[in-house]
């Protein structure tokens, strides 16, 4: 899919343009945990708001970092 180290995606509740749909299924679980006040360490994350997970194809490792957004 042409990912490069340092690429940044900002998802809402849909898959961002250009993001691997298979990897989105993995990311969605983590995003749901954070949105509901959970702790990503329970899924193997580095801290409460970040986690790394491999692409289902095993060729890319993604890092998801949750950041508070002012509403």
C-alpha atoms as a PDB file:
ATOM      1  CA  UNK A   1       0.000   0.000   0.000  1.00  0.00           C
ATOM      2  CA  UNK A   2       3.038   2.259  -0.108  1.00  0.00           C
ATOM      3  CA  UNK A   3       3.313   3.061   3.611  1.00  0.00           C
ATOM      4  CA  UNK A   4       6.445   4.905   4.696  1.00  0.00           C
ATOM      5  CA  UNK A   5       7.882   5.217   8.189  1.00  0.00           C
ATOM      6  CA  UNK A   6       6.396   8.300   9.818  1.00  0.00           C
ATOM      7  CA  UNK A   7       3.115   8.277   7.848  1.00  0.00           C
ATOM      8  CA  UNK A   8       0.295   9.625  10.008  1.00  0.00           C
ATOM      9  CA  UNK A   9      -3.406   8.793   9.736  1.00  0.00           C
ATOM     10  CA  UNK A  10      -6.193  10.484  11.705  1.00  0.00           C
ATOM     11  CA  UNK A  11      -9.175   8.147  11.863  1.00  0.00           C
ATOM     12  CA  UNK A  12     -12.666   8.899  13.046  1.00  0.00           C
ATOM     13  CA  UNK A  13     -15.080   6.009  13.001  1.00  0.00           C
ATOM     14  CA  UNK A  14     -14.235   5.156   9.391  1.00  0.00           C
ATOM     15  CA  UNK A  15     -11.123   3.851   7.672  1.00  0.00           C
ATOM     16  CA  UNK A  16      -8.929   6.796   6.595  1.00  0.00           C
ATOM     17  CA  UNK A  17      -8.225   7.121   2.882  1.00  0.00           C
ATOM     18  CA  UNK A  18      -5.164   5.092   1.927  1.00  0.00           C
ATOM     19  CA  UNK A  19      -5.112   3.033   5.133  1.00  0.00           C
ATOM     20  CA  UNK A  20      -5.088  -0.763   4.895  1.00  0.00           C
ATOM     21  CA  UNK A  21      -8.613  -2.022   5.643  1.00  0.00           C
ATOM     22  CA  UNK A  22      -7.244  -5.227   7.196  1.00  0.00           C
ATOM     23  CA  UNK A  23      -5.097  -3.254   9.631  1.00  0.00           C
ATOM     24  CA  UNK A  24      -8.052  -0.999  10.409  1.00  0.00           C
ATOM     25  CA  UNK A  25      -9.865  -3.950  11.960  1.00  0.00           C
ATOM     26  CA  UNK A  26      -6.965  -4.272  14.419  1.00  0.00           C
ATOM     27  CA  UNK A  27      -6.766  -0.534  15.074  1.00  0.00           C
ATOM     28  CA  UNK A  28     -10.515  -0.210  15.614  1.00  0.00           C
ATOM     29  CA  UNK A  29     -10.399  -2.508  18.651  1.00  0.00           C
ATOM     30  CA  UNK A  30      -7.716  -0.359  20.290  1.00  0.00           C
ATOM     31  CA  UNK A  31      -9.513   2.872  19.429  1.00  0.00           C
ATOM     32  CA  UNK A  32     -12.705   1.521  20.978  1.00  0.00           C
ATOM     33  CA  UNK A  33     -10.839   0.664  24.192  1.00  0.00           C
ATOM     34  CA  UNK A  34      -9.487   4.224  24.467  1.00  0.00           C
ATOM     35  CA  UNK A  35     -12.807   5.879  23.562  1.00  0.00           C
ATOM     36  CA  UNK A  36     -14.532   3.942  26.345  1.00  0.00           C
ATOM     37  CA  UNK A  37     -11.941   4.882  28.967  1.00  0.00           C
ATOM     38  CA  UNK A  38      -9.970   1.637  28.868  1.00  0.00           C
ATOM     39  CA  UNK A  39      -6.234   1.055  29.190  1.00  0.00           C
ATOM     40  CA  UNK A  40      -4.257  -0.221  26.179  1.00  0.00           C
ATOM     41  CA  UNK A  41      -1.774  -1.931  28.507  1.00  0.00           C
ATOM     42  CA  UNK A  42      -4.471  -4.599  28.902  1.00  0.00           C
ATOM     43  CA  UNK A  43      -3.970  -5.380  25.176  1.00  0.00           C
ATOM     44  CA  UNK A  44      -0.155  -5.253  25.383  1.00  0.00           C
ATOM     45  CA  UNK A  45       0.296  -1.504  24.849  1.00  0.00           C
ATOM     46  CA  UNK A  46       3.291   0.522  25.981  1.00  0.00           C
ATOM     47  CA  UNK A  47       1.089   2.719  28.149  1.00  0.00           C
ATOM     48  CA  UNK A  48      -2.593   3.503  28.628  1.00  0.00           C
ATOM     49  CA  UNK A  49      -2.881   5.388  25.325  1.00  0.00           C
ATOM     50  CA  UNK A  50      -0.452   3.769  22.859  1.00  0.00           C
ATOM     51  CA  UNK A  51       0.041   0.354  21.311  1.00  0.00           C
ATOM     52  CA  UNK A  52       1.924  -1.257  18.427  1.00  0.00           C
ATOM     53  CA  UNK A  53       0.335  -3.956  16.296  1.00  0.00           C
ATOM     54  CA  UNK A  54       1.364  -5.760  13.118  1.00  0.00           C
ATOM     55  CA  UNK A  55      -0.510  -5.625   9.855  1.00  0.00           C
ATOM     56  CA  UNK A  56      -2.428  -8.900   9.406  1.00  0.00           C
ATOM     57  CA  UNK A  57      -0.067  -9.624   6.493  1.00  0.00           C
ATOM     58  CA  UNK A  58       2.885  -9.210   8.888  1.00  0.00           C
ATOM     59  CA  UNK A  59       4.831  -6.773   6.717  1.00  0.00           C
ATOM     60  CA  UNK A  60       4.160  -3.501   8.556  1.00  0.00           C
ATOM     61  CA  UNK A  61       4.016  -2.602  12.242  1.00  0.00           C
ATOM     62  CA  UNK A  62       1.661   0.231  13.165  1.00  0.00           C
ATOM     63  CA  UNK A  63       1.824   2.425  16.264  1.00  0.00           C
ATOM     64  CA  UNK A  64      -1.475   3.806  17.479  1.00  0.00           C
ATOM     65  CA  UNK A  65      -1.267   6.809  19.812  1.00  0.00           C
ATOM     66  CA  UNK A  66      -4.425   8.311  21.281  1.00  0.00           C
ATOM     67  CA  UNK A  67      -4.282  12.064  21.803  1.00  0.00           C
ATOM     68  CA  UNK A  68      -6.920  14.159  23.515  1.00  0.00           C
ATOM     69  CA  UNK A  69      -8.678  16.487  21.094  1.00  0.00           C
ATOM     70  CA  UNK A  70     -10.288  19.693  22.265  1.00  0.00           C
ATOM     71  CA  UNK A  71     -13.939  19.659  21.287  1.00  0.00           C
END
